[in-house]
Structure formats: structure tokens, C-alpha cells
C-alpha atoms as a PDB file:
ATOM      1  CA  MET A   1     118.539  97.506  92.422  1.00  0.00           C
ATOM      2  CA  HIS A   2     115.969  97.555  89.134  1.00  0.00           C
ATOM      3  CA  VAL A   3     112.462  99.255  89.365  1.00  0.00           C
ATOM      4  CA  ASP A   4     109.802  98.619  87.153  1.00  0.00           C
ATOM      5  CA  ALA A   5     108.534 101.864  86.085  1.00  0.00           C
ATOM      6  CA  ARG A   6     105.961 100.417  83.524  1.00  0.00           C
ATOM      7  CA  CYS A   7     102.659 102.744  84.035  1.00  0.00           C
ATOM      8  CA  PHE A   8     100.635 100.111  82.364  1.00  0.00           C
ATOM      9  CA  PRO A   9      99.633  96.534  82.445  1.00  0.00           C
ATOM     10  CA  ARG A  10     101.263  94.729  79.307  1.00  0.00           C
ATOM     11  CA  TYR A  11      99.935  91.642  77.801  1.00  0.00           C
ATOM     12  CA  LEU A  12     101.092  89.105  76.177  1.00  0.00           C
ATOM     13  CA  PHE A  13     100.356  90.334  72.360  1.00  0.00           C
ATOM     14  CA  PHE A  14     101.667  89.242  68.764  1.00  0.00           C
ATOM     15  CA  ALA A  15     101.824  91.129  66.274  1.00  0.00           C
ATOM     16  CA  SER A  16     103.881  91.965  62.704  1.00  0.00           C
ATOM     17  CA  VAL A  17     106.137  95.302  63.228  1.00  0.00           C
ATOM     18  CA  GLN A  18     107.185  97.580  60.456  1.00  0.00           C
ATOM     19  CA  ILE A  19     110.293  99.965  62.427  1.00  0.00           C
ATOM     20  CA  THR A  20     111.677 102.601  60.849  1.00  0.00           C
ATOM     21  CA  ASP A  21     114.949 104.372  62.910  1.00  0.00           C
ATOM     22  CA  SER A  22     114.158 107.606  63.095  1.00  0.00           C
ATOM     23  CA  ASP A  23     117.560 108.930  62.751  1.00  0.00           C
ATOM     24  CA  SER A  24     118.600 107.190  59.609  1.00  0.00           C
ATOM     25  CA  ASP A  25     115.348 105.994  57.907  1.00  0.00           C
ATOM     26  CA  SER A  26     116.530 102.313  58.067  1.00  0.00           C
ATOM     27  CA  LEU A  27     113.746  99.769  57.977  1.00  0.00           C
ATOM     28  CA  MET A  28     113.623  96.706  59.650  1.00  0.00           C
ATOM     29  CA  ASN A  29     110.850  93.923  60.811  1.00  0.00           C
ATOM     30  CA  ALA A  30     110.166  92.564  64.027  1.00  0.00           C
ATOM     31  CA  ARG A  31     107.482  91.213  65.990  1.00  0.00           C
ATOM     32  CA  THR A  32     105.630  92.059  69.294  1.00  0.00           C
ATOM     33  CA  SER A  33     105.762  89.603  72.347  1.00  0.00           C
ATOM     34  CA  ASP A  34     103.516  92.332  74.694  1.00  0.00           C
ATOM     35  CA  ILE A  35     101.454  95.751  74.418  1.00  0.00           C
ATOM     36  CA  SER A  36     100.285  98.284  76.814  1.00  0.00           C
ATOM     37  CA  LEU A  37      98.730 101.939  75.959  1.00  0.00           C
ATOM     38  CA  GLY A  38     102.592 102.924  76.528  1.00  0.00           C
ATOM     39  CA  GLY A  39     104.431 100.813  74.473  1.00  0.00           C
ATOM     40  CA  CYS A  40     105.234  97.333  73.903  1.00  0.00           C
ATOM     41  CA  TYR A  41     107.744  94.525  73.571  1.00  0.00           C
ATOM     42  CA  LEU A  42     109.610  93.466  70.122  1.00  0.00           C
ATOM     43  CA  ASP A  43     111.000  90.533  70.080  1.00  0.00           C
ATOM     44  CA  THR A  44     114.069  90.990  67.048  1.00  0.00           C
ATOM     45  CA  MET A  45     118.001  89.862  66.853  1.00  0.00           C
ATOM     46  CA  ASN A  46     119.301  93.098  66.650  1.00  0.00           C
ATOM     47  CA  PRO A  47     117.500  95.632  68.768  1.00  0.00           C
ATOM     48  CA  PHE A  48     118.327  99.406  68.733  1.00  0.00           C
ATOM     49  CA  HIS A  49     119.988 101.342  71.473  1.00  0.00           C
ATOM     50  CA  GLU A  50     118.405 102.881  74.304  1.00  0.00           C
ATOM     51  CA  GLY A  51     117.174 106.078  73.469  1.00  0.00           C
ATOM     52  CA  THR A  52     116.970 105.672  69.642  1.00  0.00           C
ATOM     53  CA  PRO A  53     114.096 107.607  68.643  1.00  0.00           C
ATOM     54  CA  LEU A  54     111.884 104.841  65.536  1.00  0.00           C
ATOM     55  CA  ARG A  55     109.053 105.157  64.295  1.00  0.00           C
ATOM     56  CA  VAL A  56     106.499 101.995  64.828  1.00  0.00           C
ATOM     57  CA  ARG A  57     103.621  99.867  62.386  1.00  0.00           C
ATOM     58  CA  ILE A  58     101.706  97.346  64.219  1.00  0.00           C
ATOM     59  CA  THR A  59      99.926  95.331  62.595  1.00  0.00           C
ATOM     60  CA  HIS A  60      97.432  93.088  63.706  1.00  0.00           C
ATOM     61  CA  HIS A  61      94.141  91.184  62.419  1.00  0.00           C
ATOM     62  CA  GLY A  62      94.250  93.607  59.686  1.00  0.00           C
ATOM     63  CA  GLN A  63      94.082  97.132  61.566  1.00  0.00           C
ATOM     64  CA  SER A  64      97.240  98.854  62.093  1.00  0.00           C
ATOM     65  CA  ILE A  65      98.422 101.942  64.204  1.00  0.00           C
ATOM     66  CA  ASP A  66     101.243 104.099  63.867  1.00  0.00           C
ATOM     67  CA  ALA A  67     103.656 105.627  66.689  1.00  0.00           C
ATOM     68  CA  ASN A  68     106.886 107.386  67.115  1.00  0.00           C
ATOM     69  CA  ALA A  69     108.500 105.190  70.363  1.00  0.00           C
ATOM     70  CA  ARG A  70     111.775 105.443  72.121  1.00  0.00           C
ATOM     71  CA  VAL A  71     113.781 102.230  73.134  1.00  0.00           C
ATOM     72  CA  VAL A  72     114.136 102.388  76.609  1.00  0.00           C
ATOM     73  CA  HIS A  73     115.800  99.231  77.164  1.00  0.00           C
ATOM     74  CA  SER A  74     117.521  96.659  74.478  1.00  0.00           C
ATOM     75  CA  ARG A  75     119.257  93.470  75.097  1.00  0.00           C
ATOM     76  CA  PRO A  76     120.939  91.943  72.355  1.00  0.00           C
ATOM     77  CA  ASN A  77     119.715  88.095  70.268  1.00  0.00           C
ATOM     78  CA  VAL A  78     116.272  89.261  72.332  1.00  0.00           C
ATOM     79  CA  GLY A  79     114.750  92.200  71.639  1.00  0.00           C
ATOM     80  CA  MET A  80     114.176  95.572  72.959  1.00  0.00           C
ATOM     81  CA  GLY A  81     111.017  97.536  75.209  1.00  0.00           C
ATOM     82  CA  LEU A  82     109.458 100.363  73.911  1.00  0.00           C
ATOM     83  CA  ARG A  83     108.054 103.729  75.344  1.00  0.00           C
ATOM     84  CA  PHE A  84     105.398 104.777  72.899  1.00  0.00           C
ATOM     85  CA  GLU A  85     105.458 108.693  72.954  1.00  0.00           C
ATOM     86  CA  GLN A  86     102.612 110.026  70.668  1.00  0.00           C
ATOM     87  CA  VAL A  87      99.870 107.800  68.414  1.00  0.00           C
ATOM     88  CA  ASP A  88      98.531 108.787  65.566  1.00  0.00           C
ATOM     89  CA  SER A  89      95.627 110.374  67.284  1.00  0.00           C
ATOM     90  CA  ARG A  90      92.603 108.644  64.466  1.00  0.00           C
ATOM     91  CA  GLN A  91      94.229 104.808  65.683  1.00  0.00           C
ATOM     92  CA  VAL A  92      93.965 105.304  69.458  1.00  0.00           C
ATOM     93  CA  PRO A  93      90.903 104.201  68.886  1.00  0.00           C
ATOM     94  CA  ILE A  94      92.289 100.516  67.214  1.00  0.00           C
ATOM     95  CA  LEU A  95      95.194 100.527  70.335  1.00  0.00           C
ATOM     96  CA  ASP A  96      92.663 100.568  72.717  1.00  0.00           C
ATOM     97  CA  ARG A  97      90.308  97.556  71.545  1.00  0.00           C
ATOM     98  CA  TRP A  98      93.489  95.563  71.411  1.00  0.00           C
ATOM     99  CA  ILE A  99      93.629  96.645  74.620  1.00  0.00           C
ATOM    100  CA  GLU A 100      90.601  95.546  75.846  1.00  0.00           C
ATOM    101  CA  ASP A 101      89.704  92.455  74.351  1.00  0.00           C
ATOM    102  CA  LEU A 102      93.143  91.540  75.871  1.00  0.00           C
ATOM    103  CA  GLN A 103      91.807  92.510  79.115  1.00  0.00           C
ATOM    104  CA  THR A 104      88.924  90.384  78.671  1.00  0.00           C
ATOM    105  CA  ALA A 105      90.049  87.061  77.032  1.00  0.00           C
END
């Protein structure tokens, strides 16, 4: 039985993402399909394995947030779910504003 362990509601959200694998420093680009205060889902054909630590930069309408994240689930040829482990404290208000805008849309 699968238990949904999400702590925050997710919202449909499309933004570009630059991903850096923390172990190998390899770079990859992807796109979000949803976001929450605790993480996001990335559409990508070549997702990283579960547990992989990543550094992500999410850019939406000219604003960006940088976060340390970890892959919590991965589906080849589909995408991967990320949990934010740390968002740059100066950029937390940007993430908060994105979520607030999505809640009122």
C-alpha cells in the first residue's frame, strides 16, 4: 500500500529548472509540473535515482530560487519528485509569493 507522505499541498506550476547533481556536478535542465513549499515535481526523460542530492535553480517570470533538494521518487522517461532540504533564506519570500499566487488563482 502506498502512503502519500506530502506535508504541503502541491499546485500546478510550470517553470524552468537547472539541476546540478551534488555528487558529480553534472548539469541538466528540466521543467516543473507542480510545486509546494516542501518540494516539486520535475518532468524529465532521464531522472536521477531516489536519494540523489541535487542543487536546483527554479526560474519563473524572471525570479529564481536556489535550493538543496533530494530525489524522493523517480520514474524513468517521466520525471522525479524532489523534497527541498534547504531553500536560500533570501529567496524564501519568492517561493512564498509563488505559492500564494497559485492559491488565489
